[in-house]
Structures are given as structure tokens and as C-alpha cells.
């Protein structure tokens, strides 16, 4: 020990230089270190979701999931691939080896699924680039409004504003209603006007669109010509012409009752606020983009 100490004292400037170099490396490494309250230790994974409403689980697996799995097999760096099938939904999760860039993995998966030709017009889509630790905020939409109005406020005002924030991967909606324009057709009126249900459906589809035209020049002015037929409310839907009888138009509103409805619900969102149980409400969940620092 005495000999070592003497050597260190004799080469003090060398020791000081080594100390300064090690300190500089340590400071640089400390500044490059990602600081997060909850470190993201999740695997590099990519989710592929495909929705085909109306298909049973067996058809989803046979006609959607298996063709996708065959195409996705063999991607470089792929470690595990697992899938789940639900009524109308196919969900495939691909886990890659550590160190692979998330965007590189998503690009490889996207290239593969674009090569698959699926039945029923199914279009696979990638899950948002987030992780199980990316959920940073939940909120409830309340107010002196109906559940339908609260849902529309969340969908068309709150969610678009939140997704404009840098680093937000997705804002999900839970609960509420998905609004539909519905018509309860009277079969007797269909028989009265000699119409079929397919004719009514076709008339609505053909009339629910806007069309662009050219310009009409009048002197120094020009007017843009366009046809406006997009249905925006129940009144527009009721004014769709189905056919003409003796020169008189038959409208959708002449065939039944128009009303607002909603898609079939599979559940509700309930919550407890100050010992008051709200059995139906609207909630939003904000997820952070993977590897983004919340600060």
C-alpha cells in the first residue's frame, strides 16, 4: 500500500488528468440519460387490428387472422407473435427483439400487411405508438347536457384539441353513444308506393354526397358550381327523393318516422362522484407517445 501511495503522489498530474477525464465522461453520460418518473420497460411491439363487423370468431380467425399471420411471419427481429380473435375484430401483437427502433418495426409490419388481400374489404391498421406505461391522464365529460351531446363534445371538440399536443399518441373515448340517423319504415307505405327496401337504401346512398362542378362566368365575375346533397341532419335525410309518381316526388319522410338513434352498445361507463353513482357517462383516456418525456 505504501508503494502504491508513493507512486500516486509522484504521478499526481497523471492522476488528476485521469480524474478529470472520468468526471467529464460521467457528466456527459448523466446529461444523455433519459429521466422519467416511470421508466418504459415494455417490449418493442406493434399491434395490428382489423375490424370486420358481423363476422363470427371462427370466420375472423380463418379469413383474417391466419392470412395476416402467414404474411407477417419472418420479419427480421421478430421474437414473438400472438393473436386474439373477437366478434368482428382480429388483434395481432408482434414483439420484436430489444434494441430495434419502433418506427423501423412499424414500417416493416406496414409493408407486409399492404401485400395481403383480405375479403369483405377489410383494412388492417396499426395500433398507436404507445406502451402500457403511456397512459398519463383520464378525464370525465360532465355538464347539463344529454349523453349524446356529451359524447359529441368529446369526439368533436375535446379529443381533437388534445391530439394537437406534442407527444400525444392517442385519446380514446369510453362510454357514450354513437349517433345514427334512423328511419322506421312503414311496410304499408312501401307497398302503397310500390317500393322495395333496397330502393330506399340505394336512394339514400346516392343522395348523400356533395358534387363539384366548374365555374360559370358572368361578365367580370365567375361563380363556382357545386351540388350540395350531403346529409347533415334529420331534415336533410327526410328530404331525399326516392322516386316520382305522376310528377310528384316521394320523400324518405313519407315512408316512415325519422329519429336519432345509436349503434348497439356492448356496455356503459359508470363512475362514482362524491358518493353519487352515475350509471352512464363519457370518459377519455390520453396516451403518451412511446419514449416521449412527459416533462
C-alpha atoms as a PDB file:
ATOM      1  CA  UNK A   1       0.000   0.000   0.000  1.00  0.00           C
ATOM      2  CA  UNK A   2       2.882   2.375   0.834  1.00  0.00           C
ATOM      3  CA  UNK A   3       4.450   1.760  -2.591  1.00  0.00           C
ATOM      4  CA  UNK A   4       1.127   2.377  -4.397  1.00  0.00           C
ATOM      5  CA  UNK A   5       0.535   5.605  -2.487  1.00  0.00           C
ATOM      6  CA  UNK A   6       4.031   6.844  -3.285  1.00  0.00           C
ATOM      7  CA  UNK A   7       3.507   6.116  -6.991  1.00  0.00           C
ATOM      8  CA  UNK A   8       0.237   8.052  -6.988  1.00  0.00           C
ATOM      9  CA  UNK A   9       1.848  11.036  -5.261  1.00  0.00           C
ATOM     10  CA  UNK A  10       4.775  11.049  -7.682  1.00  0.00           C
ATOM     11  CA  UNK A  11       2.366  10.987 -10.699  1.00  0.00           C
ATOM     12  CA  UNK A  12      -0.175  13.363  -9.256  1.00  0.00           C
ATOM     13  CA  UNK A  13      -0.804  15.233 -12.541  1.00  0.00           C
ATOM     14  CA  UNK A  14      -1.468  11.980 -14.338  1.00  0.00           C
ATOM     15  CA  UNK A  15      -3.993  11.028 -11.637  1.00  0.00           C
ATOM     16  CA  UNK A  16      -5.615  14.477 -11.838  1.00  0.00           C
ATOM     17  CA  UNK A  17      -5.878  14.167 -15.633  1.00  0.00           C
ATOM     18  CA  UNK A  18      -7.490  10.721 -15.377  1.00  0.00           C
ATOM     19  CA  UNK A  19      -9.885  12.068 -12.738  1.00  0.00           C
ATOM     20  CA  UNK A  20     -10.896  15.000 -14.977  1.00  0.00           C
ATOM     21  CA  UNK A  21     -11.471  12.678 -17.982  1.00  0.00           C
ATOM     22  CA  UNK A  22     -13.589  10.247 -15.963  1.00  0.00           C
ATOM     23  CA  UNK A  23     -15.592  13.163 -14.497  1.00  0.00           C
ATOM     24  CA  UNK A  24     -16.243  14.611 -17.973  1.00  0.00           C
ATOM     25  CA  UNK A  25     -17.441  11.227 -19.247  1.00  0.00           C
ATOM     26  CA  UNK A  26     -19.712  10.884 -16.218  1.00  0.00           C
ATOM     27  CA  UNK A  27     -21.232  14.351 -16.694  1.00  0.00           C
ATOM     28  CA  UNK A  28     -21.846  13.662 -20.402  1.00  0.00           C
ATOM     29  CA  UNK A  29     -23.495  10.306 -19.625  1.00  0.00           C
ATOM     30  CA  UNK A  30     -25.656  11.925 -16.941  1.00  0.00           C
ATOM     31  CA  UNK A  31     -26.905  14.621 -19.364  1.00  0.00           C
ATOM     32  CA  UNK A  32     -27.755  11.987 -22.006  1.00  0.00           C
ATOM     33  CA  UNK A  33     -29.652   9.819 -19.527  1.00  0.00           C
ATOM     34  CA  UNK A  34     -33.429   9.760 -20.078  1.00  0.00           C
ATOM     35  CA  UNK A  35     -35.177  10.819 -16.883  1.00  0.00           C
ATOM     36  CA  UNK A  36     -38.700   9.515 -16.385  1.00  0.00           C
ATOM     37  CA  UNK A  37     -40.810   9.041 -13.276  1.00  0.00           C
ATOM     38  CA  UNK A  38     -41.986   5.707 -14.678  1.00  0.00           C
ATOM     39  CA  UNK A  39     -39.340   4.217 -16.992  1.00  0.00           C
ATOM     40  CA  UNK A  40     -40.804   2.493 -20.044  1.00  0.00           C
ATOM     41  CA  UNK A  41     -39.586  -1.096 -19.794  1.00  0.00           C
ATOM     42  CA  UNK A  42     -42.137  -2.526 -22.238  1.00  0.00           C
ATOM     43  CA  UNK A  43     -41.009  -4.603 -25.201  1.00  0.00           C
ATOM     44  CA  UNK A  44     -40.781  -3.163 -28.693  1.00  0.00           C
ATOM     45  CA  UNK A  45     -44.158  -4.257 -30.015  1.00  0.00           C
ATOM     46  CA  UNK A  46     -46.523  -3.486 -32.892  1.00  0.00           C
ATOM     47  CA  UNK A  47     -50.251  -4.186 -32.816  1.00  0.00           C
ATOM     48  CA  UNK A  48     -52.333  -4.914 -35.923  1.00  0.00           C
ATOM     49  CA  UNK A  49     -56.106  -4.555 -35.579  1.00  0.00           C
ATOM     50  CA  UNK A  50     -58.687  -5.430 -38.235  1.00  0.00           C
ATOM     51  CA  UNK A  51     -62.423  -4.794 -37.879  1.00  0.00           C
ATOM     52  CA  UNK A  52     -64.979  -6.720 -39.919  1.00  0.00           C
ATOM     53  CA  UNK A  53     -68.421  -6.140 -38.350  1.00  0.00           C
ATOM     54  CA  UNK A  54     -70.706  -9.153 -38.379  1.00  0.00           C
ATOM     55  CA  UNK A  55     -68.108 -11.935 -38.685  1.00  0.00           C
ATOM     56  CA  UNK A  56     -68.050 -14.640 -36.011  1.00  0.00           C
ATOM     57  CA  UNK A  57     -64.836 -15.546 -34.189  1.00  0.00           C
ATOM     58  CA  UNK A  58     -64.157 -18.629 -36.305  1.00  0.00           C
ATOM     59  CA  UNK A  59     -64.502 -16.675 -39.578  1.00  0.00           C
ATOM     60  CA  UNK A  60     -62.344 -13.861 -38.206  1.00  0.00           C
ATOM     61  CA  UNK A  61     -59.559 -16.318 -37.401  1.00  0.00           C
ATOM     62  CA  UNK A  62     -59.810 -18.290 -40.639  1.00  0.00           C
ATOM     63  CA  UNK A  63     -60.241 -15.465 -43.144  1.00  0.00           C
ATOM     64  CA  UNK A  64     -58.497 -12.506 -41.465  1.00  0.00           C
ATOM     65  CA  UNK A  65     -56.035 -13.517 -38.746  1.00  0.00           C
ATOM     66  CA  UNK A  66     -54.386 -16.554 -40.386  1.00  0.00           C
ATOM     67  CA  UNK A  67     -53.637 -14.814 -43.732  1.00  0.00           C
ATOM     68  CA  UNK A  68     -52.133 -11.880 -41.840  1.00  0.00           C
ATOM     69  CA  UNK A  69     -50.016 -14.139 -39.616  1.00  0.00           C
ATOM     70  CA  UNK A  70     -48.666 -16.005 -42.661  1.00  0.00           C
ATOM     71  CA  UNK A  71     -47.595 -12.729 -44.249  1.00  0.00           C
ATOM     72  CA  UNK A  72     -46.112 -11.287 -41.046  1.00  0.00           C
ATOM     73  CA  UNK A  73     -44.022 -14.360 -40.260  1.00  0.00           C
ATOM     74  CA  UNK A  74     -40.326 -13.941 -40.955  1.00  0.00           C
ATOM     75  CA  UNK A  75     -39.989 -10.207 -40.313  1.00  0.00           C
ATOM     76  CA  UNK A  76     -36.359  -9.519 -39.260  1.00  0.00           C
ATOM     77  CA  UNK A  77     -36.030  -9.186 -35.500  1.00  0.00           C
ATOM     78  CA  UNK A  78     -39.454 -10.700 -34.749  1.00  0.00           C
ATOM     79  CA  UNK A  79     -39.366 -12.574 -31.448  1.00  0.00           C
ATOM     80  CA  UNK A  80     -42.988 -13.417 -30.585  1.00  0.00           C
ATOM     81  CA  UNK A  81     -46.280 -13.163 -32.461  1.00  0.00           C
ATOM     82  CA  UNK A  82     -49.610 -13.777 -30.750  1.00  0.00           C
ATOM     83  CA  UNK A  83     -53.197 -13.115 -31.755  1.00  0.00           C
ATOM     84  CA  UNK A  84     -56.693 -12.841 -30.302  1.00  0.00           C
ATOM     85  CA  UNK A  85     -59.986 -13.049 -32.152  1.00  0.00           C
ATOM     86  CA  UNK A  86     -63.227 -11.465 -31.059  1.00  0.00           C
ATOM     87  CA  UNK A  87     -66.616 -10.960 -32.650  1.00  0.00           C
ATOM     88  CA  UNK A  88     -65.856  -8.727 -35.631  1.00  0.00           C
ATOM     89  CA  UNK A  89     -62.271  -7.927 -34.540  1.00  0.00           C
ATOM     90  CA  UNK A  90     -58.871  -9.503 -35.220  1.00  0.00           C
ATOM     91  CA  UNK A  91     -55.968  -8.440 -32.981  1.00  0.00           C
ATOM     92  CA  UNK A  92     -52.342  -9.452 -33.657  1.00  0.00           C
ATOM     93  CA  UNK A  93     -49.428  -8.405 -31.432  1.00  0.00           C
ATOM     94  CA  UNK A  94     -45.833  -8.671 -32.674  1.00  0.00           C
ATOM     95  CA  UNK A  95     -42.966  -8.416 -30.176  1.00  0.00           C
ATOM     96  CA  UNK A  96     -39.512  -7.559 -31.505  1.00  0.00           C
ATOM     97  CA  UNK A  97     -36.041  -8.005 -30.043  1.00  0.00           C
ATOM     98  CA  UNK A  98     -34.670  -5.334 -27.736  1.00  0.00           C
ATOM     99  CA  UNK A  99     -32.826  -2.505 -29.439  1.00  0.00           C
ATOM    100  CA  UNK A 100     -34.950  -2.433 -32.605  1.00  0.00           C
ATOM    101  CA  UNK A 101     -36.301   1.009 -33.436  1.00  0.00           C
ATOM    102  CA  UNK A 102     -40.067   1.338 -33.056  1.00  0.00           C
ATOM    103  CA  UNK A 103     -40.533   3.181 -36.338  1.00  0.00           C
ATOM    104  CA  UNK A 104     -38.410   0.640 -38.207  1.00  0.00           C
ATOM    105  CA  UNK A 105     -40.535  -2.219 -36.841  1.00  0.00           C
ATOM    106  CA  UNK A 106     -43.794  -0.435 -37.715  1.00  0.00           C
ATOM    107  CA  UNK A 107     -42.575   0.234 -41.252  1.00  0.00           C
ATOM    108  CA  UNK A 108     -41.711  -3.448 -41.800  1.00  0.00           C
ATOM    109  CA  UNK A 109     -45.136  -4.524 -40.495  1.00  0.00           C
ATOM    110  CA  UNK A 110     -46.919  -1.937 -42.641  1.00  0.00           C
ATOM    111  CA  UNK A 111     -45.102  -3.161 -45.766  1.00  0.00           C
ATOM    112  CA  UNK A 112     -46.208  -6.731 -45.080  1.00  0.00           C
ATOM    113  CA  UNK A 113     -49.883  -6.052 -44.366  1.00  0.00           C
ATOM    114  CA  UNK A 114     -50.184  -3.906 -47.502  1.00  0.00           C
ATOM    115  CA  UNK A 115     -49.416  -7.045 -49.522  1.00  0.00           C
ATOM    116  CA  UNK A 116     -52.349  -9.003 -48.052  1.00  0.00           C
ATOM    117  CA  UNK A 117     -55.631  -9.123 -49.980  1.00  0.00           C
ATOM    118  CA  UNK A 118     -58.359  -9.714 -47.375  1.00  0.00           C
ATOM    119  CA  UNK A 119     -62.043 -10.473 -48.028  1.00  0.00           C
ATOM    120  CA  UNK A 120     -65.003  -8.249 -47.112  1.00  0.00           C
ATOM    121  CA  UNK A 121     -62.908  -5.140 -47.853  1.00  0.00           C
ATOM    122  CA  UNK A 122     -61.075  -5.496 -44.529  1.00  0.00           C
ATOM    123  CA  UNK A 123     -58.329  -2.923 -43.919  1.00  0.00           C
ATOM    124  CA  UNK A 124     -55.758  -3.768 -41.199  1.00  0.00           C
ATOM    125  CA  UNK A 125     -54.436  -0.834 -39.172  1.00  0.00           C
ATOM    126  CA  UNK A 126     -51.561  -0.364 -36.729  1.00  0.00           C
ATOM    127  CA  UNK A 127     -52.164   0.452 -33.076  1.00  0.00           C
ATOM    128  CA  UNK A 128     -50.922   3.853 -31.836  1.00  0.00           C
ATOM    129  CA  UNK A 129     -47.229   4.093 -30.973  1.00  0.00           C
ATOM    130  CA  UNK A 130     -47.618   3.892 -27.222  1.00  0.00           C
ATOM    131  CA  UNK A 131     -46.987   1.408 -24.403  1.00  0.00           C
ATOM    132  CA  UNK A 132     -48.717   0.131 -21.243  1.00  0.00           C
ATOM    133  CA  UNK A 133     -46.975   2.870 -19.234  1.00  0.00           C
ATOM    134  CA  UNK A 134     -48.065   5.592 -21.666  1.00  0.00           C
ATOM    135  CA  UNK A 135     -51.428   6.293 -20.046  1.00  0.00           C
ATOM    136  CA  UNK A 136     -50.955   9.697 -18.409  1.00  0.00           C
ATOM    137  CA  UNK A 137     -54.408  11.186 -17.954  1.00  0.00           C
ATOM    138  CA  UNK A 138     -58.087  10.281 -17.661  1.00  0.00           C
ATOM    139  CA  UNK A 139     -60.990  12.705 -17.643  1.00  0.00           C
ATOM    140  CA  UNK A 140     -64.790  12.626 -17.428  1.00  0.00           C
ATOM    141  CA  UNK A 141     -67.064  14.842 -19.534  1.00  0.00           C
ATOM    142  CA  UNK A 142     -69.929  16.227 -17.469  1.00  0.00           C
ATOM    143  CA  UNK A 143     -72.463  19.007 -17.836  1.00  0.00           C
ATOM    144  CA  UNK A 144     -76.126  19.859 -18.063  1.00  0.00           C
ATOM    145  CA  UNK A 145     -76.482  18.069 -21.396  1.00  0.00           C
ATOM    146  CA  UNK A 146     -77.719  14.738 -22.678  1.00  0.00           C
ATOM    147  CA  UNK A 147     -75.411  11.756 -23.008  1.00  0.00           C
ATOM    148  CA  UNK A 148     -75.497  12.122 -26.799  1.00  0.00           C
ATOM    149  CA  UNK A 149     -74.399  15.778 -26.608  1.00  0.00           C
ATOM    150  CA  UNK A 150     -71.608  14.963 -24.139  1.00  0.00           C
ATOM    151  CA  UNK A 151     -70.326  12.236 -26.485  1.00  0.00           C
ATOM    152  CA  UNK A 152     -70.300  14.611 -29.459  1.00  0.00           C
ATOM    153  CA  UNK A 153     -68.458  17.257 -27.405  1.00  0.00           C
ATOM    154  CA  UNK A 154     -65.794  14.700 -26.503  1.00  0.00           C
ATOM    155  CA  UNK A 155     -65.468  13.405 -30.084  1.00  0.00           C
ATOM    156  CA  UNK A 156     -65.511  16.703 -31.980  1.00  0.00           C
ATOM    157  CA  UNK A 157     -64.083  19.275 -29.523  1.00  0.00           C
ATOM    158  CA  UNK A 158     -62.048  17.767 -26.677  1.00  0.00           C
ATOM    159  CA  UNK A 159     -60.263  14.887 -28.463  1.00  0.00           C
ATOM    160  CA  UNK A 160     -59.153  16.990 -31.496  1.00  0.00           C
ATOM    161  CA  UNK A 161     -57.733  19.642 -29.134  1.00  0.00           C
ATOM    162  CA  UNK A 162     -55.829  17.096 -27.039  1.00  0.00           C
ATOM    163  CA  UNK A 163     -54.337  15.323 -30.063  1.00  0.00           C
ATOM    164  CA  UNK A 164     -52.769  18.635 -31.150  1.00  0.00           C
ATOM    165  CA  UNK A 165     -50.444  18.495 -28.124  1.00  0.00           C
ATOM    166  CA  UNK A 166     -46.915  17.340 -28.947  1.00  0.00           C
ATOM    167  CA  UNK A 167     -46.195  13.820 -27.730  1.00  0.00           C
ATOM    168  CA  UNK A 168     -49.802  12.579 -27.536  1.00  0.00           C
ATOM    169  CA  UNK A 169     -50.232   9.270 -29.364  1.00  0.00           C
ATOM    170  CA  UNK A 170     -53.954   8.725 -28.902  1.00  0.00           C
ATOM    171  CA  UNK A 171     -57.006   9.909 -26.995  1.00  0.00           C
ATOM    172  CA  UNK A 172     -59.561   7.116 -26.536  1.00  0.00           C
ATOM    173  CA  UNK A 173     -63.250   7.530 -25.799  1.00  0.00           C
ATOM    174  CA  UNK A 174     -65.113   5.303 -23.348  1.00  0.00           C
ATOM    175  CA  UNK A 175     -68.848   5.253 -22.908  1.00  0.00           C
ATOM    176  CA  UNK A 176     -71.436   7.480 -24.502  1.00  0.00           C
ATOM    177  CA  UNK A 177     -73.448   6.986 -27.675  1.00  0.00           C
ATOM    178  CA  UNK A 178     -72.505   6.730 -31.346  1.00  0.00           C
ATOM    179  CA  UNK A 179     -75.197   8.778 -33.092  1.00  0.00           C
ATOM    180  CA  UNK A 180     -77.116   7.414 -36.061  1.00  0.00           C
ATOM    181  CA  UNK A 181     -79.813   8.862 -38.294  1.00  0.00           C
ATOM    182  CA  UNK A 182     -82.562   6.241 -38.294  1.00  0.00           C
ATOM    183  CA  UNK A 183     -85.829   5.775 -40.157  1.00  0.00           C
ATOM    184  CA  UNK A 184     -88.506   3.320 -39.092  1.00  0.00           C
ATOM    185  CA  UNK A 185     -90.073   2.420 -42.420  1.00  0.00           C
ATOM    186  CA  UNK A 186     -93.756   1.537 -42.573  1.00  0.00           C
ATOM    187  CA  UNK A 187     -94.196  -1.615 -44.746  1.00  0.00           C
ATOM    188  CA  UNK A 188     -97.675  -0.482 -45.748  1.00  0.00           C
ATOM    189  CA  UNK A 189     -96.234   2.731 -47.237  1.00  0.00           C
ATOM    190  CA  UNK A 190     -93.628   0.747 -49.170  1.00  0.00           C
ATOM    191  CA  UNK A 191     -96.439  -1.312 -50.676  1.00  0.00           C
ATOM    192  CA  UNK A 192     -98.503   1.834 -51.317  1.00  0.00           C
ATOM    193  CA  UNK A 193     -95.743   3.420 -53.415  1.00  0.00           C
ATOM    194  CA  UNK A 194     -94.552   0.097 -54.880  1.00  0.00           C
ATOM    195  CA  UNK A 195     -91.062   0.419 -53.391  1.00  0.00           C
ATOM    196  CA  UNK A 196     -88.570  -2.112 -52.043  1.00  0.00           C
ATOM    197  CA  UNK A 197     -86.207  -1.645 -49.120  1.00  0.00           C
ATOM    198  CA  UNK A 198     -83.189  -1.888 -51.426  1.00  0.00           C
ATOM    199  CA  UNK A 199     -84.504   1.028 -53.498  1.00  0.00           C
ATOM    200  CA  UNK A 200     -84.794   3.165 -50.369  1.00  0.00           C
ATOM    201  CA  UNK A 201     -81.257   2.254 -49.282  1.00  0.00           C
ATOM    202  CA  UNK A 202     -79.853   2.952 -52.737  1.00  0.00           C
ATOM    203  CA  UNK A 203     -81.594   6.342 -52.890  1.00  0.00           C
ATOM    204  CA  UNK A 204     -80.069   7.403 -49.565  1.00  0.00           C
ATOM    205  CA  UNK A 205     -76.577   6.294 -50.616  1.00  0.00           C
ATOM    206  CA  UNK A 206     -76.763   8.075 -53.976  1.00  0.00           C
ATOM    207  CA  UNK A 207     -78.096  11.314 -52.484  1.00  0.00           C
ATOM    208  CA  UNK A 208     -75.723  11.512 -49.504  1.00  0.00           C
ATOM    209  CA  UNK A 209     -72.831  13.323 -51.198  1.00  0.00           C
ATOM    210  CA  UNK A 210     -71.627  16.672 -52.497  1.00  0.00           C
ATOM    211  CA  UNK A 211     -70.512  17.162 -56.087  1.00  0.00           C
ATOM    212  CA  UNK A 212     -68.127  19.743 -57.501  1.00  0.00           C
ATOM    213  CA  UNK A 213     -68.563  21.415 -60.869  1.00  0.00           C
ATOM    214  CA  UNK A 214     -66.844  24.043 -62.965  1.00  0.00           C
ATOM    215  CA  UNK A 215     -67.296  27.810 -62.925  1.00  0.00           C
ATOM    216  CA  UNK A 216     -69.993  29.931 -64.533  1.00  0.00           C
ATOM    217  CA  UNK A 217     -68.690  33.217 -65.968  1.00  0.00           C
ATOM    218  CA  UNK A 218     -70.974  36.239 -65.982  1.00  0.00           C
ATOM    219  CA  UNK A 219     -69.188  39.379 -67.079  1.00  0.00           C
ATOM    220  CA  UNK A 220     -66.307  40.167 -64.750  1.00  0.00           C
ATOM    221  CA  UNK A 221     -67.480  37.621 -62.204  1.00  0.00           C
ATOM    222  CA  UNK A 222     -67.277  33.835 -62.046  1.00  0.00           C
ATOM    223  CA  UNK A 223     -69.462  31.609 -59.897  1.00  0.00           C
ATOM    224  CA  UNK A 224     -68.444  28.195 -58.599  1.00  0.00           C
ATOM    225  CA  UNK A 225     -70.968  25.489 -59.454  1.00  0.00           C
ATOM    226  CA  UNK A 226     -71.430  22.724 -56.890  1.00  0.00           C
ATOM    227  CA  UNK A 227     -74.123  20.317 -55.842  1.00  0.00           C
ATOM    228  CA  UNK A 228     -74.804  20.049 -52.108  1.00  0.00           C
ATOM    229  CA  UNK A 229     -76.505  16.811 -51.124  1.00  0.00           C
ATOM    230  CA  UNK A 230     -74.592  15.632 -48.033  1.00  0.00           C
ATOM    231  CA  UNK A 231     -76.978  14.688 -45.234  1.00  0.00           C
ATOM    232  CA  UNK A 232     -76.219  16.696 -42.081  1.00  0.00           C
ATOM    233  CA  UNK A 233     -79.420  16.312 -40.042  1.00  0.00           C
ATOM    234  CA  UNK A 234     -82.752  14.508 -39.967  1.00  0.00           C
ATOM    235  CA  UNK A 235     -84.400  17.171 -42.119  1.00  0.00           C
ATOM    236  CA  UNK A 236     -81.891  16.585 -44.927  1.00  0.00           C
ATOM    237  CA  UNK A 237     -82.432  12.843 -44.681  1.00  0.00           C
ATOM    238  CA  UNK A 238     -86.191  13.265 -44.829  1.00  0.00           C
ATOM    239  CA  UNK A 239     -85.947  15.373 -47.989  1.00  0.00           C
ATOM    240  CA  UNK A 240     -84.161  12.666 -50.002  1.00  0.00           C
ATOM    241  CA  UNK A 241     -86.270  11.782 -53.041  1.00  0.00           C
ATOM    242  CA  UNK A 242     -86.867   8.057 -53.571  1.00  0.00           C
ATOM    243  CA  UNK A 243     -88.978   8.118 -56.729  1.00  0.00           C
ATOM    244  CA  UNK A 244     -91.526  10.175 -58.614  1.00  0.00           C
ATOM    245  CA  UNK A 245     -95.164   9.159 -59.066  1.00  0.00           C
ATOM    246  CA  UNK A 246     -97.192  11.153 -61.598  1.00  0.00           C
ATOM    247  CA  UNK A 247     -94.696  14.008 -61.353  1.00  0.00           C
ATOM    248  CA  UNK A 248     -94.954  14.160 -57.557  1.00  0.00           C
ATOM    249  CA  UNK A 249     -91.775  13.262 -55.597  1.00  0.00           C
ATOM    250  CA  UNK A 250     -91.844  10.623 -52.873  1.00  0.00           C
ATOM    251  CA  UNK A 251     -89.557  11.586 -49.980  1.00  0.00           C
ATOM    252  CA  UNK A 252     -87.947   9.445 -47.305  1.00  0.00           C
ATOM    253  CA  UNK A 253     -90.068  11.230 -44.702  1.00  0.00           C
ATOM    254  CA  UNK A 254     -93.184   9.933 -46.488  1.00  0.00           C
ATOM    255  CA  UNK A 255     -92.184   6.315 -45.814  1.00  0.00           C
ATOM    256  CA  UNK A 256     -91.832   6.274 -42.030  1.00  0.00           C
ATOM    257  CA  UNK A 257     -90.637   8.011 -38.876  1.00  0.00           C
ATOM    258  CA  UNK A 258     -87.244   9.754 -38.735  1.00  0.00           C
ATOM    259  CA  UNK A 259     -85.374   9.845 -35.424  1.00  0.00           C
ATOM    260  CA  UNK A 260     -81.947   9.904 -33.817  1.00  0.00           C
ATOM    261  CA  UNK A 261     -80.580   6.549 -32.693  1.00  0.00           C
ATOM    262  CA  UNK A 262     -77.245   4.968 -31.841  1.00  0.00           C
ATOM    263  CA  UNK A 263     -75.150   1.912 -32.568  1.00  0.00           C
ATOM    264  CA  UNK A 264     -75.795  -1.150 -30.474  1.00  0.00           C
ATOM    265  CA  UNK A 265     -73.980  -0.756 -27.176  1.00  0.00           C
ATOM    266  CA  UNK A 266     -71.870  -3.525 -25.647  1.00  0.00           C
ATOM    267  CA  UNK A 267     -71.592  -1.818 -22.255  1.00  0.00           C
ATOM    268  CA  UNK A 268     -71.657   1.505 -20.401  1.00  0.00           C
ATOM    269  CA  UNK A 269     -69.200   3.682 -18.487  1.00  0.00           C
ATOM    270  CA  UNK A 270     -70.219   4.273 -14.886  1.00  0.00           C
ATOM    271  CA  UNK A 271     -68.410   6.166 -12.157  1.00  0.00           C
ATOM    272  CA  UNK A 272     -68.786   7.360  -8.555  1.00  0.00           C
ATOM    273  CA  UNK A 273     -68.558  11.083  -7.738  1.00  0.00           C
ATOM    274  CA  UNK A 274     -68.999  12.316  -4.153  1.00  0.00           C
ATOM    275  CA  UNK A 275     -70.961   9.201  -3.186  1.00  0.00           C
ATOM    276  CA  UNK A 276     -73.290   9.738  -6.157  1.00  0.00           C
ATOM    277  CA  UNK A 277     -73.330   6.796  -8.566  1.00  0.00           C
ATOM    278  CA  UNK A 278     -73.505   7.868 -12.220  1.00  0.00           C
ATOM    279  CA  UNK A 279     -74.521   4.780 -14.178  1.00  0.00           C
ATOM    280  CA  UNK A 280     -73.800   6.254 -17.610  1.00  0.00           C
ATOM    281  CA  UNK A 281     -71.164   8.765 -18.647  1.00  0.00           C
ATOM    282  CA  UNK A 282     -68.359   9.666 -21.044  1.00  0.00           C
ATOM    283  CA  UNK A 283     -64.655   9.242 -20.281  1.00  0.00           C
ATOM    284  CA  UNK A 284     -61.458   9.979 -22.207  1.00  0.00           C
ATOM    285  CA  UNK A 285     -58.025   8.380 -21.810  1.00  0.00           C
ATOM    286  CA  UNK A 286     -54.867  10.168 -23.008  1.00  0.00           C
ATOM    287  CA  UNK A 287     -51.874   8.017 -24.019  1.00  0.00           C
ATOM    288  CA  UNK A 288     -48.349   9.363 -24.465  1.00  0.00           C
ATOM    289  CA  UNK A 289     -46.215   8.654 -27.500  1.00  0.00           C
ATOM    290  CA  UNK A 290     -43.623   5.976 -26.704  1.00  0.00           C
ATOM    291  CA  UNK A 291     -40.268   7.348 -25.467  1.00  0.00           C
ATOM    292  CA  UNK A 292     -41.557  10.892 -25.153  1.00  0.00           C
ATOM    293  CA  UNK A 293     -40.631  12.658 -21.896  1.00  0.00           C
ATOM    294  CA  UNK A 294     -43.797  13.936 -20.124  1.00  0.00           C
ATOM    295  CA  UNK A 295     -41.896  16.953 -18.807  1.00  0.00           C
END
